[in-house]
N, C-alpha and C. Protein backbone atom coordinates (compact mmCIF):
# COMPACT_ATOMS: atom_id res chain seq x y z
N MET A 1 33.99 -7.61 -27.18
CA MET A 1 35.13 -7.60 -28.08
C MET A 1 36.41 -7.71 -27.26
N ILE A 2 37.35 -8.52 -27.75
CA ILE A 2 38.62 -8.75 -27.06
C ILE A 2 39.74 -8.32 -28.00
N THR A 3 40.53 -7.36 -27.54
CA THR A 3 41.61 -6.83 -28.36
C THR A 3 42.93 -7.04 -27.63
N GLU A 4 43.86 -7.72 -28.28
CA GLU A 4 45.16 -7.92 -27.68
C GLU A 4 45.94 -6.60 -27.73
N THR A 5 46.53 -6.23 -26.60
CA THR A 5 47.33 -5.01 -26.52
C THR A 5 48.76 -5.37 -26.87
N PRO A 6 49.25 -4.91 -28.02
CA PRO A 6 50.59 -5.34 -28.45
C PRO A 6 51.68 -4.69 -27.63
N SER A 7 52.80 -5.40 -27.52
CA SER A 7 53.97 -4.82 -26.89
C SER A 7 54.67 -3.92 -27.89
N GLY A 8 55.65 -3.21 -27.42
CA GLY A 8 56.35 -2.28 -28.31
C GLY A 8 57.08 -2.96 -29.43
N GLU A 9 57.36 -4.26 -29.29
CA GLU A 9 58.12 -4.98 -30.29
C GLU A 9 57.24 -5.56 -31.38
N GLU A 10 55.93 -5.62 -31.17
CA GLU A 10 55.04 -6.25 -32.14
C GLU A 10 54.57 -5.23 -33.17
N THR A 11 54.67 -5.59 -34.44
CA THR A 11 54.26 -4.70 -35.53
C THR A 11 52.96 -5.14 -36.17
N ASN A 12 52.57 -6.40 -35.96
CA ASN A 12 51.34 -6.93 -36.55
C ASN A 12 50.44 -7.49 -35.46
N PRO A 13 49.76 -6.63 -34.72
CA PRO A 13 48.89 -7.12 -33.64
C PRO A 13 47.76 -7.96 -34.18
N ARG A 14 47.32 -8.93 -33.37
CA ARG A 14 46.24 -9.82 -33.74
C ARG A 14 44.94 -9.02 -33.86
N PRO A 15 44.11 -9.28 -34.89
CA PRO A 15 42.84 -8.57 -35.01
C PRO A 15 41.94 -8.84 -33.80
N PRO A 16 41.00 -7.93 -33.51
CA PRO A 16 40.09 -8.15 -32.38
C PRO A 16 39.27 -9.41 -32.56
N CYS A 17 38.85 -9.98 -31.43
CA CYS A 17 38.02 -11.19 -31.42
C CYS A 17 36.68 -10.84 -30.82
N LEU A 18 35.62 -11.35 -31.40
CA LEU A 18 34.27 -11.18 -30.86
C LEU A 18 33.81 -12.48 -30.25
N LEU A 19 33.38 -12.43 -28.99
CA LEU A 19 32.80 -13.60 -28.34
C LEU A 19 31.30 -13.38 -28.27
N LEU A 20 30.55 -14.24 -28.95
CA LEU A 20 29.11 -14.08 -29.07
C LEU A 20 28.39 -14.66 -27.87
N SER A 21 27.12 -14.25 -27.68
CA SER A 21 26.36 -14.70 -26.52
C SER A 21 26.09 -16.20 -26.54
N ASP A 22 26.16 -16.83 -27.72
CA ASP A 22 25.93 -18.28 -27.79
C ASP A 22 27.19 -19.09 -27.53
N GLY A 23 28.30 -18.40 -27.19
CA GLY A 23 29.54 -19.09 -26.87
C GLY A 23 30.50 -19.23 -28.02
N ALA A 24 30.07 -18.91 -29.24
CA ALA A 24 30.95 -18.96 -30.40
C ALA A 24 31.82 -17.71 -30.45
N SER A 25 32.87 -17.76 -31.24
CA SER A 25 33.75 -16.60 -31.37
C SER A 25 34.06 -16.33 -32.82
N ILE A 26 34.38 -15.08 -33.10
CA ILE A 26 34.80 -14.66 -34.44
C ILE A 26 36.17 -14.01 -34.29
N GLY A 27 37.18 -14.57 -34.94
CA GLY A 27 38.52 -14.03 -34.83
C GLY A 27 39.54 -15.13 -34.62
N GLN A 28 40.79 -14.74 -34.48
CA GLN A 28 41.88 -15.69 -34.41
C GLN A 28 42.24 -16.12 -32.99
N LEU A 29 41.68 -15.47 -31.99
CA LEU A 29 42.00 -15.81 -30.61
C LEU A 29 41.39 -17.16 -30.24
N ASP A 30 42.15 -17.98 -29.54
CA ASP A 30 41.67 -19.29 -29.10
C ASP A 30 40.38 -19.12 -28.29
N LEU A 31 39.38 -19.96 -28.59
CA LEU A 31 38.09 -19.84 -27.93
C LEU A 31 38.20 -20.00 -26.42
N GLY A 32 39.02 -20.94 -25.98
CA GLY A 32 39.19 -21.14 -24.54
C GLY A 32 39.75 -19.92 -23.85
N ILE A 33 40.73 -19.28 -24.49
CA ILE A 33 41.31 -18.06 -23.92
C ILE A 33 40.27 -16.94 -23.90
N ALA A 34 39.50 -16.82 -24.98
CA ALA A 34 38.48 -15.78 -25.05
C ALA A 34 37.45 -15.94 -23.93
N LYS A 35 37.00 -17.17 -23.71
CA LYS A 35 36.02 -17.41 -22.66
C LYS A 35 36.60 -17.13 -21.28
N ALA A 36 37.86 -17.51 -21.08
CA ALA A 36 38.50 -17.26 -19.79
C ALA A 36 38.62 -15.78 -19.51
N LEU A 37 38.97 -15.00 -20.53
CA LEU A 37 39.10 -13.55 -20.35
C LEU A 37 37.76 -12.92 -20.01
N VAL A 38 36.72 -13.33 -20.72
CA VAL A 38 35.39 -12.76 -20.46
C VAL A 38 34.90 -13.16 -19.07
N THR A 39 35.13 -14.41 -18.69
CA THR A 39 34.71 -14.87 -17.36
C THR A 39 35.42 -14.08 -16.27
N ASN A 40 36.73 -13.89 -16.43
CA ASN A 40 37.50 -13.17 -15.42
C ASN A 40 37.13 -11.69 -15.38
N ALA A 41 36.71 -11.15 -16.51
CA ALA A 41 36.29 -9.74 -16.54
C ALA A 41 34.98 -9.55 -15.80
N GLY A 42 34.20 -10.64 -15.67
CA GLY A 42 32.95 -10.58 -14.92
C GLY A 42 31.97 -9.61 -15.54
N ALA A 43 31.34 -8.79 -14.68
CA ALA A 43 30.31 -7.86 -15.14
C ALA A 43 30.88 -6.54 -15.61
N SER A 44 32.20 -6.39 -15.61
CA SER A 44 32.82 -5.14 -16.02
C SER A 44 32.53 -4.87 -17.50
N LYS A 45 32.15 -3.64 -17.82
CA LYS A 45 31.90 -3.30 -19.20
C LYS A 45 33.21 -3.13 -19.97
N VAL A 46 34.24 -2.68 -19.27
CA VAL A 46 35.55 -2.51 -19.86
C VAL A 46 36.58 -3.02 -18.86
N ALA A 47 37.52 -3.85 -19.31
CA ALA A 47 38.53 -4.39 -18.40
C ALA A 47 39.82 -4.66 -19.15
N LEU A 48 40.94 -4.45 -18.48
CA LEU A 48 42.25 -4.80 -19.02
C LEU A 48 42.72 -6.05 -18.31
N MET A 49 42.84 -7.15 -19.06
CA MET A 49 43.14 -8.45 -18.47
C MET A 49 44.50 -8.95 -18.95
N THR A 50 45.11 -9.79 -18.14
CA THR A 50 46.38 -10.41 -18.50
C THR A 50 46.21 -11.92 -18.54
N HIS A 51 46.72 -12.54 -19.60
CA HIS A 51 46.62 -14.00 -19.74
C HIS A 51 47.89 -14.51 -20.41
N GLN A 52 48.57 -15.42 -19.74
CA GLN A 52 49.79 -16.04 -20.26
C GLN A 52 50.80 -14.99 -20.72
N GLY A 53 50.95 -13.95 -19.91
CA GLY A 53 51.95 -12.93 -20.18
C GLY A 53 51.54 -11.88 -21.20
N LYS A 54 50.33 -12.00 -21.75
CA LYS A 54 49.86 -11.02 -22.72
C LYS A 54 48.67 -10.25 -22.16
N ARG A 55 48.53 -9.01 -22.61
CA ARG A 55 47.45 -8.16 -22.11
C ARG A 55 46.34 -8.04 -23.16
N PHE A 56 45.09 -8.04 -22.67
CA PHE A 56 43.93 -7.96 -23.55
C PHE A 56 42.96 -6.92 -23.02
N PHE A 57 42.39 -6.18 -23.93
CA PHE A 57 41.35 -5.21 -23.61
C PHE A 57 40.00 -5.87 -23.87
N VAL A 58 39.20 -6.06 -22.82
CA VAL A 58 37.91 -6.75 -22.94
C VAL A 58 36.79 -5.71 -22.78
N GLU A 59 35.94 -5.63 -23.77
CA GLU A 59 34.87 -4.62 -23.76
C GLU A 59 33.54 -5.26 -24.16
N ALA A 60 32.51 -5.00 -23.35
CA ALA A 60 31.16 -5.46 -23.69
C ALA A 60 30.54 -4.48 -24.68
N LEU A 61 30.24 -4.95 -25.89
CA LEU A 61 29.70 -4.07 -26.91
C LEU A 61 28.22 -3.78 -26.71
N CYS A 62 27.54 -4.69 -26.06
CA CYS A 62 26.12 -4.47 -25.79
C CYS A 62 25.77 -5.20 -24.50
N SER A 63 24.72 -4.74 -23.87
CA SER A 63 24.30 -5.36 -22.62
C SER A 63 22.82 -5.69 -22.68
N GLU A 64 22.50 -6.90 -22.29
CA GLU A 64 21.10 -7.29 -22.23
C GLU A 64 20.61 -7.29 -20.79
N GLY A 65 21.35 -6.60 -19.93
CA GLY A 65 20.94 -6.49 -18.54
C GLY A 65 21.77 -7.38 -17.64
N THR A 66 21.86 -6.97 -16.39
CA THR A 66 22.60 -7.73 -15.38
C THR A 66 21.63 -8.19 -14.30
N VAL A 67 21.63 -9.48 -14.04
CA VAL A 67 20.81 -10.05 -12.98
C VAL A 67 21.69 -10.26 -11.75
N TYR A 68 21.29 -9.66 -10.64
CA TYR A 68 21.95 -9.87 -9.36
C TYR A 68 21.08 -10.85 -8.56
N ILE A 69 21.60 -12.02 -8.31
CA ILE A 69 20.86 -13.04 -7.56
C ILE A 69 21.39 -13.08 -6.14
N TRP A 70 20.57 -12.62 -5.20
CA TRP A 70 20.96 -12.67 -3.79
C TRP A 70 20.43 -13.96 -3.18
N GLY A 71 21.37 -14.79 -2.75
CA GLY A 71 21.04 -16.10 -2.24
C GLY A 71 21.61 -17.16 -3.17
N ALA A 72 22.24 -18.17 -2.60
CA ALA A 72 22.90 -19.20 -3.41
C ALA A 72 22.35 -20.59 -3.10
N GLY A 73 21.05 -20.66 -2.84
CA GLY A 73 20.43 -21.93 -2.52
C GLY A 73 19.96 -22.69 -3.74
N HIS A 74 19.00 -23.60 -3.51
CA HIS A 74 18.55 -24.50 -4.58
C HIS A 74 17.94 -23.76 -5.77
N ILE A 75 17.13 -22.74 -5.50
CA ILE A 75 16.49 -22.02 -6.60
C ILE A 75 17.54 -21.27 -7.41
N SER A 76 18.48 -20.64 -6.73
CA SER A 76 19.53 -19.89 -7.43
C SER A 76 20.36 -20.79 -8.32
N ARG A 77 20.63 -22.00 -7.86
CA ARG A 77 21.44 -22.92 -8.66
C ARG A 77 20.72 -23.33 -9.94
N GLU A 78 19.41 -23.35 -9.90
CA GLU A 78 18.63 -23.63 -11.11
C GLU A 78 18.49 -22.37 -11.96
N LEU A 79 18.44 -21.21 -11.30
CA LEU A 79 18.16 -19.95 -12.00
C LEU A 79 19.37 -19.41 -12.75
N ALA A 80 20.54 -19.43 -12.13
CA ALA A 80 21.72 -18.78 -12.72
C ALA A 80 22.05 -19.28 -14.13
N PRO A 81 22.03 -20.60 -14.39
CA PRO A 81 22.30 -21.04 -15.78
C PRO A 81 21.27 -20.53 -16.77
N LEU A 82 20.03 -20.40 -16.34
CA LEU A 82 18.97 -19.93 -17.23
C LEU A 82 19.14 -18.45 -17.57
N THR A 83 19.42 -17.63 -16.56
CA THR A 83 19.59 -16.20 -16.84
C THR A 83 20.79 -15.97 -17.75
N ARG A 84 21.85 -16.74 -17.52
CA ARG A 84 23.03 -16.61 -18.39
C ARG A 84 22.71 -17.07 -19.79
N HIS A 85 21.93 -18.14 -19.92
CA HIS A 85 21.61 -18.71 -21.23
C HIS A 85 20.79 -17.74 -22.08
N VAL A 86 19.95 -16.92 -21.45
CA VAL A 86 19.11 -15.99 -22.22
C VAL A 86 19.74 -14.60 -22.31
N GLY A 87 21.02 -14.50 -22.01
CA GLY A 87 21.74 -13.27 -22.32
C GLY A 87 22.00 -12.30 -21.19
N PHE A 88 21.51 -12.58 -20.00
CA PHE A 88 21.77 -11.68 -18.88
C PHE A 88 23.18 -11.92 -18.32
N GLN A 89 23.88 -10.83 -17.99
CA GLN A 89 25.04 -10.96 -17.13
C GLN A 89 24.51 -11.45 -15.78
N THR A 90 25.15 -12.43 -15.21
CA THR A 90 24.62 -13.07 -14.01
C THR A 90 25.63 -13.01 -12.88
N ILE A 91 25.21 -12.38 -11.77
CA ILE A 91 26.07 -12.25 -10.60
C ILE A 91 25.34 -12.87 -9.41
N VAL A 92 26.00 -13.78 -8.73
CA VAL A 92 25.43 -14.47 -7.57
C VAL A 92 26.12 -13.95 -6.31
N LEU A 93 25.31 -13.63 -5.29
CA LEU A 93 25.85 -13.09 -4.04
C LEU A 93 25.27 -13.82 -2.85
N ASP A 94 26.11 -14.21 -1.91
CA ASP A 94 25.67 -14.87 -0.69
C ASP A 94 26.76 -14.70 0.36
N ASP A 95 26.39 -14.93 1.61
CA ASP A 95 27.38 -14.81 2.68
C ASP A 95 27.95 -16.16 3.09
N ARG A 96 27.70 -17.19 2.28
CA ARG A 96 28.19 -18.53 2.59
C ARG A 96 29.06 -19.04 1.45
N GLN A 97 30.36 -19.08 1.66
CA GLN A 97 31.26 -19.51 0.60
C GLN A 97 31.04 -20.96 0.20
N GLU A 98 30.54 -21.77 1.13
CA GLU A 98 30.29 -23.17 0.77
C GLU A 98 29.14 -23.32 -0.22
N PHE A 99 28.35 -22.28 -0.38
CA PHE A 99 27.27 -22.28 -1.37
C PHE A 99 27.64 -21.42 -2.58
N ALA A 100 28.22 -20.27 -2.34
CA ALA A 100 28.56 -19.33 -3.42
C ALA A 100 29.96 -19.64 -3.93
N ASN A 101 30.04 -20.57 -4.87
CA ASN A 101 31.34 -20.96 -5.43
C ASN A 101 31.15 -21.55 -6.82
N ARG A 102 32.26 -21.78 -7.51
CA ARG A 102 32.22 -22.26 -8.89
C ARG A 102 31.69 -23.68 -9.02
N ASP A 103 31.79 -24.46 -7.99
CA ASP A 103 31.24 -25.81 -8.04
C ASP A 103 29.72 -25.77 -8.22
N HIS A 104 29.10 -24.77 -7.62
CA HIS A 104 27.64 -24.65 -7.69
C HIS A 104 27.17 -23.72 -8.81
N PHE A 105 28.02 -22.77 -9.22
CA PHE A 105 27.62 -21.77 -10.20
C PHE A 105 28.68 -21.64 -11.28
N GLU A 106 28.80 -22.69 -12.05
CA GLU A 106 29.85 -22.77 -13.06
C GLU A 106 29.69 -21.71 -14.14
N THR A 107 28.47 -21.35 -14.50
CA THR A 107 28.24 -20.45 -15.63
C THR A 107 28.08 -18.99 -15.22
N ALA A 108 28.03 -18.69 -13.94
CA ALA A 108 27.82 -17.30 -13.50
C ALA A 108 28.99 -16.43 -13.95
N ASP A 109 28.69 -15.19 -14.31
CA ASP A 109 29.74 -14.26 -14.70
C ASP A 109 30.60 -13.87 -13.51
N GLU A 110 29.96 -13.79 -12.35
CA GLU A 110 30.70 -13.40 -11.15
C GLU A 110 30.00 -13.97 -9.93
N ILE A 111 30.80 -14.35 -8.94
CA ILE A 111 30.29 -14.83 -7.66
C ILE A 111 30.92 -13.98 -6.57
N ILE A 112 30.06 -13.41 -5.72
CA ILE A 112 30.55 -12.54 -4.65
C ILE A 112 30.16 -13.14 -3.31
N VAL A 113 31.14 -13.36 -2.46
CA VAL A 113 30.89 -13.85 -1.11
C VAL A 113 30.90 -12.64 -0.18
N LEU A 114 29.77 -12.39 0.45
CA LEU A 114 29.59 -11.22 1.31
C LEU A 114 29.96 -11.54 2.75
N ASN A 115 30.37 -10.52 3.47
CA ASN A 115 30.55 -10.69 4.91
C ASN A 115 29.20 -10.78 5.61
N ALA A 116 28.24 -10.02 5.09
CA ALA A 116 26.88 -10.00 5.62
C ALA A 116 26.00 -9.35 4.56
N PHE A 117 24.68 -9.41 4.76
CA PHE A 117 23.78 -8.80 3.80
C PHE A 117 23.56 -7.31 4.06
N ASP A 118 24.01 -6.80 5.17
CA ASP A 118 23.95 -5.37 5.43
C ASP A 118 24.87 -4.65 4.44
N ARG A 119 24.34 -3.59 3.83
CA ARG A 119 25.11 -2.79 2.87
C ARG A 119 25.64 -3.67 1.73
N ALA A 120 24.87 -4.66 1.37
CA ALA A 120 25.31 -5.63 0.36
C ALA A 120 25.35 -5.05 -1.05
N MET A 121 24.68 -3.93 -1.27
CA MET A 121 24.63 -3.34 -2.61
C MET A 121 25.60 -2.19 -2.79
N ASP A 122 26.33 -1.84 -1.74
CA ASP A 122 27.33 -0.78 -1.85
C ASP A 122 28.40 -1.19 -2.86
N GLY A 123 28.74 -0.26 -3.74
CA GLY A 123 29.80 -0.50 -4.71
C GLY A 123 29.37 -1.23 -5.96
N LEU A 124 28.11 -1.66 -6.03
CA LEU A 124 27.61 -2.35 -7.22
C LEU A 124 26.98 -1.34 -8.18
N GLU A 125 27.11 -1.62 -9.46
CA GLU A 125 26.55 -0.72 -10.48
C GLU A 125 25.11 -1.14 -10.79
N ILE A 126 24.21 -0.77 -9.91
CA ILE A 126 22.80 -1.14 -10.07
C ILE A 126 22.06 0.05 -10.68
N ASN A 127 21.56 -0.15 -11.89
CA ASN A 127 20.87 0.92 -12.61
C ASN A 127 19.63 0.37 -13.29
N GLU A 128 19.11 1.13 -14.26
CA GLU A 128 17.86 0.71 -14.90
C GLU A 128 18.01 -0.57 -15.71
N ASP A 129 19.24 -0.97 -16.01
CA ASP A 129 19.48 -2.22 -16.72
C ASP A 129 19.80 -3.37 -15.77
N SER A 130 19.54 -3.16 -14.49
CA SER A 130 19.82 -4.17 -13.46
C SER A 130 18.54 -4.83 -13.00
N TYR A 131 18.63 -6.13 -12.73
CA TYR A 131 17.48 -6.93 -12.30
C TYR A 131 17.86 -7.57 -10.96
N VAL A 132 17.21 -7.12 -9.91
CA VAL A 132 17.51 -7.59 -8.56
C VAL A 132 16.59 -8.75 -8.21
N VAL A 133 17.18 -9.90 -7.92
CA VAL A 133 16.41 -11.10 -7.58
C VAL A 133 16.78 -11.49 -6.15
N ILE A 134 15.80 -11.44 -5.26
CA ILE A 134 16.03 -11.72 -3.84
C ILE A 134 15.45 -13.09 -3.50
N VAL A 135 16.33 -14.06 -3.32
CA VAL A 135 15.90 -15.44 -3.03
C VAL A 135 16.81 -16.01 -1.94
N THR A 136 16.88 -15.33 -0.82
CA THR A 136 17.76 -15.79 0.25
C THR A 136 17.07 -16.87 1.07
N ARG A 137 17.73 -17.27 2.14
CA ARG A 137 17.24 -18.39 2.95
C ARG A 137 16.32 -17.95 4.09
N GLY A 138 16.02 -16.66 4.20
CA GLY A 138 15.19 -16.25 5.33
C GLY A 138 14.55 -14.89 5.16
N HIS A 139 13.42 -14.69 5.86
CA HIS A 139 12.68 -13.43 5.78
C HIS A 139 13.54 -12.23 6.16
N ALA A 140 14.35 -12.38 7.19
CA ALA A 140 15.13 -11.25 7.68
C ALA A 140 16.11 -10.76 6.61
N HIS A 141 16.77 -11.69 5.93
CA HIS A 141 17.70 -11.29 4.86
C HIS A 141 16.95 -10.66 3.70
N ASP A 142 15.80 -11.23 3.34
CA ASP A 142 15.00 -10.66 2.26
C ASP A 142 14.60 -9.22 2.58
N LYS A 143 14.17 -8.98 3.79
CA LYS A 143 13.78 -7.63 4.21
C LYS A 143 14.96 -6.68 4.13
N THR A 144 16.11 -7.12 4.61
CA THR A 144 17.31 -6.28 4.58
C THR A 144 17.67 -5.90 3.15
N LEU A 145 17.62 -6.86 2.25
CA LEU A 145 17.99 -6.62 0.86
C LEU A 145 16.94 -5.79 0.14
N LEU A 146 15.67 -6.03 0.42
CA LEU A 146 14.62 -5.25 -0.25
C LEU A 146 14.73 -3.78 0.13
N ALA A 147 15.03 -3.50 1.38
CA ALA A 147 15.20 -2.11 1.81
C ALA A 147 16.32 -1.44 1.02
N GLN A 148 17.40 -2.18 0.78
CA GLN A 148 18.51 -1.62 0.01
C GLN A 148 18.14 -1.47 -1.46
N ALA A 149 17.45 -2.46 -2.02
CA ALA A 149 17.09 -2.43 -3.44
C ALA A 149 16.18 -1.25 -3.75
N LEU A 150 15.28 -0.93 -2.84
CA LEU A 150 14.36 0.20 -3.06
C LEU A 150 15.10 1.53 -3.10
N GLY A 151 16.32 1.54 -2.60
CA GLY A 151 17.13 2.75 -2.65
C GLY A 151 17.98 2.87 -3.90
N THR A 152 17.84 1.92 -4.83
CA THR A 152 18.59 1.94 -6.09
C THR A 152 17.67 2.29 -7.25
N ASN A 153 18.27 2.40 -8.43
CA ASN A 153 17.50 2.65 -9.65
C ASN A 153 17.27 1.37 -10.45
N ALA A 154 17.27 0.24 -9.77
CA ALA A 154 17.10 -1.04 -10.46
C ALA A 154 15.85 -1.04 -11.32
N GLY A 155 15.98 -1.59 -12.53
CA GLY A 155 14.84 -1.65 -13.42
C GLY A 155 13.84 -2.71 -13.03
N TYR A 156 14.29 -3.69 -12.24
CA TYR A 156 13.40 -4.77 -11.79
C TYR A 156 13.84 -5.20 -10.41
N ILE A 157 12.85 -5.40 -9.53
CA ILE A 157 13.12 -5.93 -8.19
C ILE A 157 12.11 -7.05 -7.94
N GLY A 158 12.61 -8.23 -7.65
CA GLY A 158 11.74 -9.36 -7.36
C GLY A 158 12.14 -10.02 -6.06
N MET A 159 11.15 -10.45 -5.28
CA MET A 159 11.43 -11.11 -4.00
C MET A 159 10.58 -12.36 -3.89
N ILE A 160 11.22 -13.44 -3.48
CA ILE A 160 10.53 -14.71 -3.35
C ILE A 160 9.69 -14.73 -2.08
N GLY A 161 8.72 -15.64 -2.04
CA GLY A 161 7.92 -15.80 -0.83
C GLY A 161 6.43 -15.78 -1.11
N SER A 162 5.68 -16.30 -0.16
CA SER A 162 4.22 -16.28 -0.27
C SER A 162 3.71 -14.86 -0.10
N ARG A 163 2.44 -14.66 -0.38
CA ARG A 163 1.86 -13.33 -0.20
C ARG A 163 1.86 -12.92 1.27
N SER A 164 1.64 -13.88 2.16
CA SER A 164 1.64 -13.55 3.58
C SER A 164 3.04 -13.15 4.04
N LYS A 165 4.05 -13.85 3.56
CA LYS A 165 5.43 -13.48 3.90
C LYS A 165 5.77 -12.12 3.32
N ARG A 166 5.37 -11.89 2.06
CA ARG A 166 5.61 -10.59 1.44
C ARG A 166 4.97 -9.47 2.25
N ASP A 167 3.73 -9.67 2.65
CA ASP A 167 3.03 -8.63 3.40
C ASP A 167 3.69 -8.37 4.75
N ALA A 168 4.21 -9.44 5.36
CA ALA A 168 4.91 -9.26 6.64
C ALA A 168 6.17 -8.42 6.46
N VAL A 169 6.89 -8.66 5.36
CA VAL A 169 8.08 -7.86 5.07
C VAL A 169 7.70 -6.41 4.79
N TYR A 170 6.65 -6.21 4.00
CA TYR A 170 6.20 -4.84 3.70
C TYR A 170 5.79 -4.11 4.98
N ASP A 171 5.05 -4.79 5.85
CA ASP A 171 4.61 -4.17 7.11
C ASP A 171 5.80 -3.73 7.95
N ALA A 172 6.82 -4.61 8.00
CA ALA A 172 8.01 -4.29 8.79
C ALA A 172 8.75 -3.09 8.21
N LEU A 173 8.80 -3.01 6.89
CA LEU A 173 9.50 -1.89 6.25
C LEU A 173 8.71 -0.58 6.41
N CYS A 174 7.40 -0.69 6.42
CA CYS A 174 6.58 0.51 6.64
C CYS A 174 6.88 1.12 8.02
N LYS A 175 7.11 0.26 8.99
CA LYS A 175 7.45 0.74 10.33
C LYS A 175 8.81 1.43 10.36
N GLU A 176 9.63 1.15 9.33
CA GLU A 176 10.94 1.77 9.24
C GLU A 176 10.93 3.01 8.34
N GLY A 177 9.74 3.39 7.85
CA GLY A 177 9.63 4.63 7.10
C GLY A 177 9.35 4.49 5.62
N PHE A 178 9.26 3.26 5.11
CA PHE A 178 8.94 3.08 3.70
C PHE A 178 7.44 3.28 3.48
N SER A 179 7.07 3.70 2.27
CA SER A 179 5.67 3.90 1.94
C SER A 179 5.15 2.74 1.10
N ARG A 180 3.84 2.52 1.14
CA ARG A 180 3.23 1.46 0.34
C ARG A 180 3.46 1.71 -1.15
N GLU A 181 3.55 2.95 -1.53
CA GLU A 181 3.75 3.30 -2.93
C GLU A 181 5.06 2.73 -3.47
N GLU A 182 6.08 2.68 -2.63
CA GLU A 182 7.38 2.19 -3.06
C GLU A 182 7.33 0.71 -3.42
N PHE A 183 6.42 -0.03 -2.79
CA PHE A 183 6.37 -1.47 -3.02
C PHE A 183 5.77 -1.82 -4.38
N LYS A 184 5.22 -0.83 -5.08
CA LYS A 184 4.70 -1.08 -6.42
C LYS A 184 5.81 -1.45 -7.39
N ARG A 185 7.05 -1.15 -7.02
CA ARG A 185 8.19 -1.51 -7.86
C ARG A 185 8.56 -2.98 -7.74
N VAL A 186 8.03 -3.64 -6.74
CA VAL A 186 8.49 -4.99 -6.40
C VAL A 186 7.56 -6.05 -6.99
N CYS A 187 8.16 -7.05 -7.62
CA CYS A 187 7.42 -8.22 -8.09
C CYS A 187 7.53 -9.30 -7.02
N SER A 188 6.45 -9.50 -6.29
CA SER A 188 6.46 -10.50 -5.22
C SER A 188 5.04 -10.99 -4.99
N PRO A 189 4.82 -12.29 -4.97
CA PRO A 189 5.80 -13.37 -5.15
C PRO A 189 6.48 -13.28 -6.52
N ILE A 190 7.76 -13.53 -6.56
CA ILE A 190 8.54 -13.41 -7.77
C ILE A 190 8.14 -14.49 -8.78
N GLY A 191 8.24 -14.15 -10.07
CA GLY A 191 7.99 -15.13 -11.13
C GLY A 191 6.57 -15.07 -11.67
N LEU A 192 6.44 -15.47 -12.93
CA LEU A 192 5.11 -15.56 -13.53
C LEU A 192 4.33 -16.71 -12.90
N ASP A 193 3.04 -16.54 -12.81
CA ASP A 193 2.19 -17.55 -12.18
C ASP A 193 1.94 -18.70 -13.16
N ILE A 194 2.78 -19.74 -13.06
CA ILE A 194 2.62 -20.91 -13.93
C ILE A 194 2.40 -22.17 -13.09
N GLY A 195 2.09 -21.97 -11.82
CA GLY A 195 1.88 -23.12 -10.95
C GLY A 195 3.16 -23.82 -10.56
N ALA A 196 4.27 -23.10 -10.57
CA ALA A 196 5.58 -23.70 -10.27
C ALA A 196 5.66 -24.18 -8.83
N GLU A 197 6.30 -25.32 -8.65
CA GLU A 197 6.46 -25.89 -7.30
C GLU A 197 7.91 -26.27 -7.00
N THR A 198 8.59 -26.92 -7.92
CA THR A 198 9.96 -27.36 -7.67
C THR A 198 10.92 -26.19 -7.89
N PRO A 199 12.16 -26.29 -7.35
CA PRO A 199 13.15 -25.23 -7.60
C PRO A 199 13.35 -24.96 -9.08
N ALA A 200 13.39 -26.01 -9.90
CA ALA A 200 13.59 -25.82 -11.34
C ALA A 200 12.41 -25.08 -11.96
N GLU A 201 11.19 -25.45 -11.56
CA GLU A 201 10.01 -24.78 -12.10
C GLU A 201 9.95 -23.32 -11.64
N ILE A 202 10.30 -23.08 -10.39
CA ILE A 202 10.31 -21.71 -9.89
C ILE A 202 11.34 -20.87 -10.66
N ALA A 203 12.49 -21.46 -10.94
CA ALA A 203 13.52 -20.76 -11.71
C ALA A 203 13.01 -20.39 -13.10
N VAL A 204 12.29 -21.31 -13.73
CA VAL A 204 11.72 -21.03 -15.05
C VAL A 204 10.74 -19.87 -14.96
N SER A 205 9.91 -19.86 -13.93
CA SER A 205 8.92 -18.78 -13.79
C SER A 205 9.61 -17.44 -13.56
N ILE A 206 10.73 -17.44 -12.83
CA ILE A 206 11.46 -16.20 -12.57
C ILE A 206 12.10 -15.69 -13.85
N VAL A 207 12.78 -16.56 -14.58
CA VAL A 207 13.47 -16.10 -15.78
C VAL A 207 12.46 -15.65 -16.83
N ALA A 208 11.28 -16.26 -16.85
CA ALA A 208 10.23 -15.81 -17.77
C ALA A 208 9.81 -14.38 -17.42
N GLU A 209 9.68 -14.09 -16.13
CA GLU A 209 9.31 -12.74 -15.71
C GLU A 209 10.41 -11.74 -16.03
N LEU A 210 11.67 -12.16 -15.89
CA LEU A 210 12.79 -11.29 -16.23
C LEU A 210 12.80 -10.98 -17.72
N ILE A 211 12.56 -11.98 -18.55
CA ILE A 211 12.51 -11.77 -20.00
C ILE A 211 11.38 -10.80 -20.35
N LYS A 212 10.24 -10.99 -19.72
CA LYS A 212 9.09 -10.10 -19.95
C LYS A 212 9.41 -8.66 -19.56
N ALA A 213 10.05 -8.49 -18.39
CA ALA A 213 10.41 -7.15 -17.92
C ALA A 213 11.41 -6.49 -18.86
N ARG A 214 12.37 -7.27 -19.34
CA ARG A 214 13.37 -6.73 -20.28
C ARG A 214 12.73 -6.33 -21.60
N ALA A 215 11.84 -7.17 -22.10
CA ALA A 215 11.18 -6.87 -23.38
C ALA A 215 10.32 -5.61 -23.27
N GLU A 216 9.60 -5.46 -22.17
CA GLU A 216 8.78 -4.27 -21.99
C GLU A 216 9.62 -3.02 -21.89
N LYS A 217 10.77 -3.13 -21.24
CA LYS A 217 11.66 -1.97 -21.08
C LYS A 217 12.23 -1.55 -22.44
N ASN A 218 12.50 -2.52 -23.31
CA ASN A 218 13.14 -2.24 -24.59
C ASN A 218 12.17 -1.86 -25.69
N GLN A 219 10.88 -1.86 -25.40
CA GLN A 219 9.88 -1.51 -26.42
C GLN A 219 9.97 -0.01 -26.74
């Protein structure tokens, strides 16, 4: 919901506007302005935004979950539009600005360029309604992020890679003090088994698993 905050001189403030998940809006606010305000608010549940000299209160009335996609490569570029299309707040994170940008992720709610993947989850609101998707460009980054994800209350944690790669990451984390029991929270290889091979097919398998996880949580 988007509510214009009237100035002291205004006696007839504009009624609130609702921006629906399908991109349509209900209310008198221009659709382009409404979309811009929501995009700039990003994943914030409540935000006070300014546009063309006017202030607006932007509030998410409901949440269908937030997907954090770590890695901005080929799979992520196919995945982000899909997660957004099925109602997830979508946040893309990478340490490469040439990959993590609006040219590659036009529909993402937020794009975060990290200095490094160490402590990459500090300051993020990762809770039971959060879906952590680890699809970086290398085993070392995946291991670093998985260690951090296991320390959160994320409702879903998925990591890309073959079973042998997954086991190598698990073995390395066990040497750092993690238990095998903790890995039961992780979906890896990520995605439903549909025989996916291309980045687009892998993205479909991942978003299908995310939808399944969300539906099971909401039962």
